[in-house]
């Protein structure tokens, strides 16, 4: 593996560790100033989340809306300017969503994250279960 691939793999793994620990200040150091993440229009948390604080806003929204209790990182594949990580989101209501998160790099920072959901049905089920469990 070329040295820059190893550095980028370490960067992706570190970003997952930092966001999972809630260390947003450290996580944001690995993002470009014009960072953005995009969730597809058909998802309940659709939209573009921009700037260094965008990842934190997206993370909080997804985790709270779908009541995510675990993120299981499967594997990351590294290319020249991109990486793809296979991730399972595990929901409190049961079930899991299999996603592939695409990372785009600019230099030694991440400038974009774009998740792709194999089947978004478990996401909708988890969001509805969370909504149904909340007092009216």
C-alpha atoms as a PDB file:
ATOM      1  CA  UNK A   1       0.000   0.000   0.000  1.00  0.00           C
ATOM      2  CA  UNK A   2       1.476   3.408  -0.938  1.00  0.00           C
ATOM      3  CA  UNK A   3       2.293   5.684   1.985  1.00  0.00           C
ATOM      4  CA  UNK A   4      -0.437   8.228   1.155  1.00  0.00           C
ATOM      5  CA  UNK A   5      -3.009   5.414   1.063  1.00  0.00           C
ATOM      6  CA  UNK A   6      -1.930   4.299   4.537  1.00  0.00           C
ATOM      7  CA  UNK A   7      -2.220   7.903   5.813  1.00  0.00           C
ATOM      8  CA  UNK A   8      -5.701   8.245   4.342  1.00  0.00           C
ATOM      9  CA  UNK A   9      -6.827   4.930   5.805  1.00  0.00           C
ATOM     10  CA  UNK A  10      -5.557   6.085   9.206  1.00  0.00           C
ATOM     11  CA  UNK A  11      -7.403   9.406   8.712  1.00  0.00           C
ATOM     12  CA  UNK A  12     -10.728   7.691   7.984  1.00  0.00           C
ATOM     13  CA  UNK A  13     -10.300   5.337  10.949  1.00  0.00           C
ATOM     14  CA  UNK A  14      -9.361   8.233  13.212  1.00  0.00           C
ATOM     15  CA  UNK A  15     -12.389  10.264  12.071  1.00  0.00           C
ATOM     16  CA  UNK A  16     -14.710   7.373  12.967  1.00  0.00           C
ATOM     17  CA  UNK A  17     -13.026   7.017  16.366  1.00  0.00           C
ATOM     18  CA  UNK A  18     -13.205  10.749  17.124  1.00  0.00           C
ATOM     19  CA  UNK A  19     -16.832  11.172  16.065  1.00  0.00           C
ATOM     20  CA  UNK A  20     -17.817   8.030  17.954  1.00  0.00           C
ATOM     21  CA  UNK A  21     -16.167   9.467  21.078  1.00  0.00           C
ATOM     22  CA  UNK A  22     -17.857  12.836  20.549  1.00  0.00           C
ATOM     23  CA  UNK A  23     -14.537  14.677  20.165  1.00  0.00           C
ATOM     24  CA  UNK A  24     -15.814  17.112  17.555  1.00  0.00           C
ATOM     25  CA  UNK A  25     -13.017  19.665  17.943  1.00  0.00           C
ATOM     26  CA  UNK A  26     -10.424  17.014  17.054  1.00  0.00           C
ATOM     27  CA  UNK A  27     -12.608  15.519  14.300  1.00  0.00           C
ATOM     28  CA  UNK A  28     -13.071  18.916  12.631  1.00  0.00           C
ATOM     29  CA  UNK A  29      -9.288  19.325  12.318  1.00  0.00           C
ATOM     30  CA  UNK A  30      -9.418  16.562   9.692  1.00  0.00           C
ATOM     31  CA  UNK A  31     -12.018  18.379   7.560  1.00  0.00           C
ATOM     32  CA  UNK A  32     -11.479  21.139   5.009  1.00  0.00           C
ATOM     33  CA  UNK A  33     -13.079  24.525   5.693  1.00  0.00           C
ATOM     34  CA  UNK A  34     -15.490  23.919   2.803  1.00  0.00           C
ATOM     35  CA  UNK A  35     -16.319  20.342   3.877  1.00  0.00           C
ATOM     36  CA  UNK A  36     -19.785  19.028   3.076  1.00  0.00           C
ATOM     37  CA  UNK A  37     -21.778  15.835   3.532  1.00  0.00           C
ATOM     38  CA  UNK A  38     -24.859  15.002   1.501  1.00  0.00           C
ATOM     39  CA  UNK A  39     -27.728  12.715   2.486  1.00  0.00           C
ATOM     40  CA  UNK A  40     -30.019  11.695  -0.384  1.00  0.00           C
ATOM     41  CA  UNK A  41     -33.359  13.444  -0.897  1.00  0.00           C
ATOM     42  CA  UNK A  42     -35.420  10.330  -0.138  1.00  0.00           C
ATOM     43  CA  UNK A  43     -34.032   9.987   3.418  1.00  0.00           C
ATOM     44  CA  UNK A  44     -35.617  11.540   6.537  1.00  0.00           C
ATOM     45  CA  UNK A  45     -32.405  13.476   7.220  1.00  0.00           C
ATOM     46  CA  UNK A  46     -31.918  14.596   3.595  1.00  0.00           C
ATOM     47  CA  UNK A  47     -29.793  17.601   2.851  1.00  0.00           C
ATOM     48  CA  UNK A  48     -26.351  19.079   2.571  1.00  0.00           C
ATOM     49  CA  UNK A  49     -24.438  19.655   5.797  1.00  0.00           C
ATOM     50  CA  UNK A  50     -21.688  22.209   5.185  1.00  0.00           C
ATOM     51  CA  UNK A  51     -18.621  23.524   6.940  1.00  0.00           C
ATOM     52  CA  UNK A  52     -16.532  21.969   9.684  1.00  0.00           C
ATOM     53  CA  UNK A  53     -19.622  21.820  11.946  1.00  0.00           C
ATOM     54  CA  UNK A  54     -21.641  20.078   9.238  1.00  0.00           C
ATOM     55  CA  UNK A  55     -20.475  16.601  10.158  1.00  0.00           C
ATOM     56  CA  UNK A  56     -21.456  17.112  13.789  1.00  0.00           C
ATOM     57  CA  UNK A  57     -24.904  18.409  12.776  1.00  0.00           C
ATOM     58  CA  UNK A  58     -25.455  15.438  10.461  1.00  0.00           C
ATOM     59  CA  UNK A  59     -24.214  12.915  13.018  1.00  0.00           C
ATOM     60  CA  UNK A  60     -26.516  14.285  15.725  1.00  0.00           C
ATOM     61  CA  UNK A  61     -29.506  14.329  13.391  1.00  0.00           C
ATOM     62  CA  UNK A  62     -29.055  10.777  12.095  1.00  0.00           C
ATOM     63  CA  UNK A  63     -28.254   9.300  15.499  1.00  0.00           C
ATOM     64  CA  UNK A  64     -31.221  10.956  17.202  1.00  0.00           C
ATOM     65  CA  UNK A  65     -33.840  10.555  14.456  1.00  0.00           C
ATOM     66  CA  UNK A  66     -33.106   6.869  13.864  1.00  0.00           C
ATOM     67  CA  UNK A  67     -31.988   6.040  17.424  1.00  0.00           C
ATOM     68  CA  UNK A  68     -28.686   4.538  16.252  1.00  0.00           C
ATOM     69  CA  UNK A  69     -27.073   2.535  19.045  1.00  0.00           C
ATOM     70  CA  UNK A  70     -23.997   1.277  17.191  1.00  0.00           C
ATOM     71  CA  UNK A  71     -21.947   1.820  14.061  1.00  0.00           C
ATOM     72  CA  UNK A  72     -20.094  -1.282  12.962  1.00  0.00           C
ATOM     73  CA  UNK A  73     -17.227  -0.508  10.621  1.00  0.00           C
ATOM     74  CA  UNK A  74     -16.627  -3.405   8.226  1.00  0.00           C
ATOM     75  CA  UNK A  75     -13.836  -2.372   5.877  1.00  0.00           C
ATOM     76  CA  UNK A  76     -12.358   0.603   4.047  1.00  0.00           C
ATOM     77  CA  UNK A  77     -11.031   0.646   0.507  1.00  0.00           C
ATOM     78  CA  UNK A  78      -8.622   3.456  -0.412  1.00  0.00           C
ATOM     79  CA  UNK A  79      -8.029   4.966  -3.847  1.00  0.00           C
ATOM     80  CA  UNK A  80      -6.132   8.038  -5.050  1.00  0.00           C
ATOM     81  CA  UNK A  81      -8.663  10.705  -4.040  1.00  0.00           C
ATOM     82  CA  UNK A  82     -11.435   8.651  -2.452  1.00  0.00           C
ATOM     83  CA  UNK A  83     -12.120   6.015   0.159  1.00  0.00           C
ATOM     84  CA  UNK A  84     -15.221   3.889   0.704  1.00  0.00           C
ATOM     85  CA  UNK A  85     -16.092   2.408   4.076  1.00  0.00           C
ATOM     86  CA  UNK A  86     -18.700  -0.301   4.555  1.00  0.00           C
ATOM     87  CA  UNK A  87     -20.700   0.440   7.712  1.00  0.00           C
ATOM     88  CA  UNK A  88     -23.716  -1.080   9.454  1.00  0.00           C
ATOM     89  CA  UNK A  89     -25.953   1.264  11.451  1.00  0.00           C
ATOM     90  CA  UNK A  90     -27.654  -0.664  14.261  1.00  0.00           C
ATOM     91  CA  UNK A  91     -30.963   0.732  15.544  1.00  0.00           C
ATOM     92  CA  UNK A  92     -32.481   0.590  19.030  1.00  0.00           C
ATOM     93  CA  UNK A  93     -35.757  -0.599  17.508  1.00  0.00           C
ATOM     94  CA  UNK A  94     -33.941  -3.532  15.920  1.00  0.00           C
ATOM     95  CA  UNK A  95     -32.585  -3.950  12.458  1.00  0.00           C
ATOM     96  CA  UNK A  96     -29.628  -2.428  10.730  1.00  0.00           C
ATOM     97  CA  UNK A  97     -28.885  -0.417   7.613  1.00  0.00           C
ATOM     98  CA  UNK A  98     -25.944  -1.343   5.425  1.00  0.00           C
ATOM     99  CA  UNK A  99     -24.254   1.709   3.952  1.00  0.00           C
ATOM    100  CA  UNK A 100     -21.160   2.596   1.977  1.00  0.00           C
ATOM    101  CA  UNK A 101     -19.717   5.954   2.972  1.00  0.00           C
ATOM    102  CA  UNK A 102     -17.673   7.657   0.258  1.00  0.00           C
ATOM    103  CA  UNK A 103     -14.938  10.018   1.468  1.00  0.00           C
ATOM    104  CA  UNK A 104     -13.244  12.482  -0.879  1.00  0.00           C
ATOM    105  CA  UNK A 105      -9.836  13.882   0.049  1.00  0.00           C
ATOM    106  CA  UNK A 106      -8.150  17.174  -0.661  1.00  0.00           C
ATOM    107  CA  UNK A 107      -4.566  16.883   0.474  1.00  0.00           C
ATOM    108  CA  UNK A 108      -4.506  15.315   3.920  1.00  0.00           C
ATOM    109  CA  UNK A 109      -8.049  16.355   4.820  1.00  0.00           C
ATOM    110  CA  UNK A 110     -11.540  15.136   4.015  1.00  0.00           C
ATOM    111  CA  UNK A 111     -13.610  17.537   1.912  1.00  0.00           C
ATOM    112  CA  UNK A 112     -16.731  15.412   1.315  1.00  0.00           C
ATOM    113  CA  UNK A 113     -18.663  12.461   2.717  1.00  0.00           C
ATOM    114  CA  UNK A 114     -21.530  10.909   0.800  1.00  0.00           C
ATOM    115  CA  UNK A 115     -23.334   7.847   2.269  1.00  0.00           C
ATOM    116  CA  UNK A 116     -25.070   5.322  -0.002  1.00  0.00           C
ATOM    117  CA  UNK A 117     -27.738   3.077   1.563  1.00  0.00           C
ATOM    118  CA  UNK A 118     -28.194  -0.412   0.151  1.00  0.00           C
ATOM    119  CA  UNK A 119     -31.805  -0.517   1.391  1.00  0.00           C
ATOM    120  CA  UNK A 120     -33.165   2.543   3.233  1.00  0.00           C
ATOM    121  CA  UNK A 121     -36.205   0.649   4.576  1.00  0.00           C
ATOM    122  CA  UNK A 122     -34.569  -0.096   7.969  1.00  0.00           C
ATOM    123  CA  UNK A 123     -33.873   3.655   8.346  1.00  0.00           C
ATOM    124  CA  UNK A 124     -37.544   4.526   7.799  1.00  0.00           C
ATOM    125  CA  UNK A 125     -38.592   1.763  10.205  1.00  0.00           C
ATOM    126  CA  UNK A 126     -36.197   3.026  12.903  1.00  0.00           C
ATOM    127  CA  UNK A 127     -37.297   6.666  12.491  1.00  0.00           C
ATOM    128  CA  UNK A 128     -40.968   5.675  12.708  1.00  0.00           C
ATOM    129  CA  UNK A 129     -40.348   3.492  15.789  1.00  0.00           C
ATOM    130  CA  UNK A 130     -38.592   6.404  17.504  1.00  0.00           C
ATOM    131  CA  UNK A 131     -41.433   8.763  16.584  1.00  0.00           C
ATOM    132  CA  UNK A 132     -44.070   6.284  17.834  1.00  0.00           C
ATOM    133  CA  UNK A 133     -42.250   5.855  21.158  1.00  0.00           C
ATOM    134  CA  UNK A 134     -42.255   9.605  21.892  1.00  0.00           C
ATOM    135  CA  UNK A 135     -45.113  11.008  23.974  1.00  0.00           C
ATOM    136  CA  UNK A 136     -47.708  12.905  21.959  1.00  0.00           C
END
